[in-house]
Amino acid sequence: MTTSPGHNSAALLKDYIDRINDRLDAKQEVVDEVTLLYAPAKESGINVKGLREHIKLMREDEEKRRKREEALESIRNELRGLAETPLGKAAIAEVMRAG
């Protein structure tokens, strides 16, 4: 939506800025709350890195996850048992990074 310059454009711009800042503040509050949830999990002995990865995978798009898993399986098959060697692990890590 475009507006012509005029006395309302500054007020409109300020309104957008205020609304965006409010949403960004709310977003940061949620991020802070989620971060606080991991602390007791860590204190109870849960592997937080693994927990974060599990949640990430659960929330991932099904098609994207399927493609990533297919690529990973393809690399494992090509390596024919070398997946546990340093070279194999590096190749798998690269596929995971490429997503």
C-alpha atoms as a PDB file:
ATOM      1  CA  MET A   1       0.000   0.000   0.000  1.00  0.00           C
ATOM      2  CA  THR A   2       1.408   3.367  -0.939  1.00  0.00           C
ATOM      3  CA  THR A   3       0.365   6.747   0.263  1.00  0.00           C
ATOM      4  CA  SER A   4       1.079  10.145  -1.118  1.00  0.00           C
ATOM      5  CA  PRO A   5       3.149  12.458   1.012  1.00  0.00           C
ATOM      6  CA  GLY A   6       1.047  14.427   3.412  1.00  0.00           C
ATOM      7  CA  HIS A   7       0.376  15.240   6.985  1.00  0.00           C
ATOM      8  CA  ASN A   8      -0.776  11.667   7.775  1.00  0.00           C
ATOM      9  CA  SER A   9       2.284   9.862   6.403  1.00  0.00           C
ATOM     10  CA  ALA A  10       4.433  10.590   9.481  1.00  0.00           C
ATOM     11  CA  ALA A  11       1.673   9.390  11.800  1.00  0.00           C
ATOM     12  CA  LEU A  12       1.160   6.274   9.685  1.00  0.00           C
ATOM     13  CA  LEU A  13       4.888   5.525   9.703  1.00  0.00           C
ATOM     14  CA  LYS A  14       5.055   6.010  13.488  1.00  0.00           C
ATOM     15  CA  ASP A  15       2.095   3.647  13.898  1.00  0.00           C
ATOM     16  CA  TYR A  16       3.839   0.936  11.856  1.00  0.00           C
ATOM     17  CA  ILE A  17       7.062   1.415  13.800  1.00  0.00           C
ATOM     18  CA  ASP A  18       5.247   1.180  17.138  1.00  0.00           C
ATOM     19  CA  ARG A  19       3.322  -1.931  16.102  1.00  0.00           C
ATOM     20  CA  ILE A  20       6.429  -3.658  14.765  1.00  0.00           C
ATOM     21  CA  ASN A  21       8.387  -2.820  17.907  1.00  0.00           C
ATOM     22  CA  ASP A  22       5.555  -4.181  20.068  1.00  0.00           C
ATOM     23  CA  ARG A  23       5.585  -7.477  18.147  1.00  0.00           C
ATOM     24  CA  LEU A  24       9.386  -7.714  18.350  1.00  0.00           C
ATOM     25  CA  ASP A  25       9.196  -7.163  22.115  1.00  0.00           C
ATOM     26  CA  ALA A  26       6.563  -9.886  22.397  1.00  0.00           C
ATOM     27  CA  LYS A  27       8.723 -12.196  20.286  1.00  0.00           C
ATOM     28  CA  GLN A  28      11.704 -11.610  22.588  1.00  0.00           C
ATOM     29  CA  GLU A  29       9.540 -12.396  25.613  1.00  0.00           C
ATOM     30  CA  VAL A  30       8.619 -15.766  24.081  1.00  0.00           C
ATOM     31  CA  VAL A  31      12.263 -16.493  23.256  1.00  0.00           C
ATOM     32  CA  ASP A  32      13.212 -15.681  26.842  1.00  0.00           C
ATOM     33  CA  GLU A  33      10.445 -17.940  28.186  1.00  0.00           C
ATOM     34  CA  VAL A  34      11.554 -20.857  26.004  1.00  0.00           C
ATOM     35  CA  THR A  35      15.156 -20.355  27.100  1.00  0.00           C
ATOM     36  CA  LEU A  36      14.039 -20.498  30.731  1.00  0.00           C
ATOM     37  CA  LEU A  37      12.313 -23.834  30.069  1.00  0.00           C
ATOM     38  CA  TYR A  38      15.600 -25.476  29.112  1.00  0.00           C
ATOM     39  CA  ALA A  39      17.294 -24.669  32.454  1.00  0.00           C
ATOM     40  CA  PRO A  40      15.319 -27.143  34.608  1.00  0.00           C
ATOM     41  CA  ALA A  41      15.635 -29.757  31.868  1.00  0.00           C
ATOM     42  CA  LYS A  42      19.407 -29.376  32.004  1.00  0.00           C
ATOM     43  CA  GLU A  43      19.384 -29.456  35.806  1.00  0.00           C
ATOM     44  CA  SER A  44      17.461 -32.737  35.749  1.00  0.00           C
ATOM     45  CA  GLY A  45      20.147 -34.320  33.585  1.00  0.00           C
ATOM     46  CA  ILE A  46      18.500 -34.063  30.173  1.00  0.00           C
ATOM     47  CA  ASN A  47      20.869 -33.522  27.276  1.00  0.00           C
ATOM     48  CA  VAL A  48      19.657 -30.054  26.233  1.00  0.00           C
ATOM     49  CA  LYS A  49      21.528 -30.106  22.931  1.00  0.00           C
ATOM     50  CA  GLY A  50      19.741 -33.334  22.023  1.00  0.00           C
ATOM     51  CA  LEU A  51      16.434 -31.938  23.270  1.00  0.00           C
ATOM     52  CA  ARG A  52      16.802 -28.838  21.089  1.00  0.00           C
ATOM     53  CA  GLU A  53      17.636 -30.997  18.066  1.00  0.00           C
ATOM     54  CA  HIS A  54      14.660 -33.266  18.720  1.00  0.00           C
ATOM     55  CA  ILE A  55      12.286 -30.305  18.941  1.00  0.00           C
ATOM     56  CA  LYS A  56      13.796 -28.813  15.782  1.00  0.00           C
ATOM     57  CA  LEU A  57      13.230 -32.080  13.913  1.00  0.00           C
ATOM     58  CA  MET A  58       9.662 -32.388  15.228  1.00  0.00           C
ATOM     59  CA  ARG A  59       8.835 -28.919  13.928  1.00  0.00           C
ATOM     60  CA  GLU A  60      10.549 -29.364  10.578  1.00  0.00           C
ATOM     61  CA  ASP A  61       8.490 -29.575   7.414  1.00  0.00           C
ATOM     62  CA  GLU A  62       7.809 -33.222   6.566  1.00  0.00           C
ATOM     63  CA  GLU A  63       9.004 -32.891   2.950  1.00  0.00           C
ATOM     64  CA  LYS A  64      12.195 -31.090   3.969  1.00  0.00           C
ATOM     65  CA  ARG A  65      12.911 -33.748   6.601  1.00  0.00           C
ATOM     66  CA  ARG A  66      12.285 -36.551   4.087  1.00  0.00           C
ATOM     67  CA  LYS A  67      14.681 -34.991   1.561  1.00  0.00           C
ATOM     68  CA  ARG A  68      17.365 -34.483   4.211  1.00  0.00           C
ATOM     69  CA  GLU A  69      17.004 -38.070   5.398  1.00  0.00           C
ATOM     70  CA  GLU A  70      17.168 -39.362   1.815  1.00  0.00           C
ATOM     71  CA  ALA A  71      20.339 -37.366   1.190  1.00  0.00           C
ATOM     72  CA  LEU A  72      21.849 -38.666   4.403  1.00  0.00           C
ATOM     73  CA  GLU A  73      20.940 -42.234   3.542  1.00  0.00           C
ATOM     74  CA  SER A  74      22.416 -41.796   0.082  1.00  0.00           C
ATOM     75  CA  ILE A  75      25.704 -40.618   1.558  1.00  0.00           C
ATOM     76  CA  ARG A  76      25.734 -43.542   3.988  1.00  0.00           C
ATOM     77  CA  ASN A  77      25.148 -45.996   1.149  1.00  0.00           C
ATOM     78  CA  GLU A  78      27.880 -44.424  -0.965  1.00  0.00           C
ATOM     79  CA  LEU A  79      30.327 -44.588   1.892  1.00  0.00           C
ATOM     80  CA  ARG A  80      29.544 -48.312   2.375  1.00  0.00           C
ATOM     81  CA  GLY A  81      30.291 -48.570   6.021  1.00  0.00           C
ATOM     82  CA  LEU A  82      32.655 -45.641   6.160  1.00  0.00           C
ATOM     83  CA  ALA A  83      30.046 -43.414   7.810  1.00  0.00           C
ATOM     84  CA  GLU A  84      31.689 -43.888  11.202  1.00  0.00           C
ATOM     85  CA  THR A  85      35.148 -42.848   9.998  1.00  0.00           C
ATOM     86  CA  PRO A  86      36.226 -39.201  10.312  1.00  0.00           C
ATOM     87  CA  LEU A  87      35.766 -38.738   6.554  1.00  0.00           C
ATOM     88  CA  GLY A  88      32.307 -40.263   6.648  1.00  0.00           C
ATOM     89  CA  LYS A  89      31.272 -38.133   9.609  1.00  0.00           C
ATOM     90  CA  ALA A  90      32.507 -35.010   7.834  1.00  0.00           C
ATOM     91  CA  ALA A  91      30.480 -35.902   4.720  1.00  0.00           C
ATOM     92  CA  ILE A  92      27.354 -36.493   6.789  1.00  0.00           C
ATOM     93  CA  ALA A  93      27.877 -33.227   8.660  1.00  0.00           C
ATOM     94  CA  GLU A  94      28.164 -31.384   5.329  1.00  0.00           C
ATOM     95  CA  VAL A  95      24.882 -32.879   4.098  1.00  0.00           C
ATOM     96  CA  MET A  96      23.213 -31.876   7.363  1.00  0.00           C
ATOM     97  CA  ARG A  97      24.524 -28.303   7.057  1.00  0.00           C
ATOM     98  CA  ALA A  98      23.356 -28.042   3.459  1.00  0.00           C
ATOM     99  CA  GLY A  99      19.882 -29.038   4.618  1.00  0.00           C
END
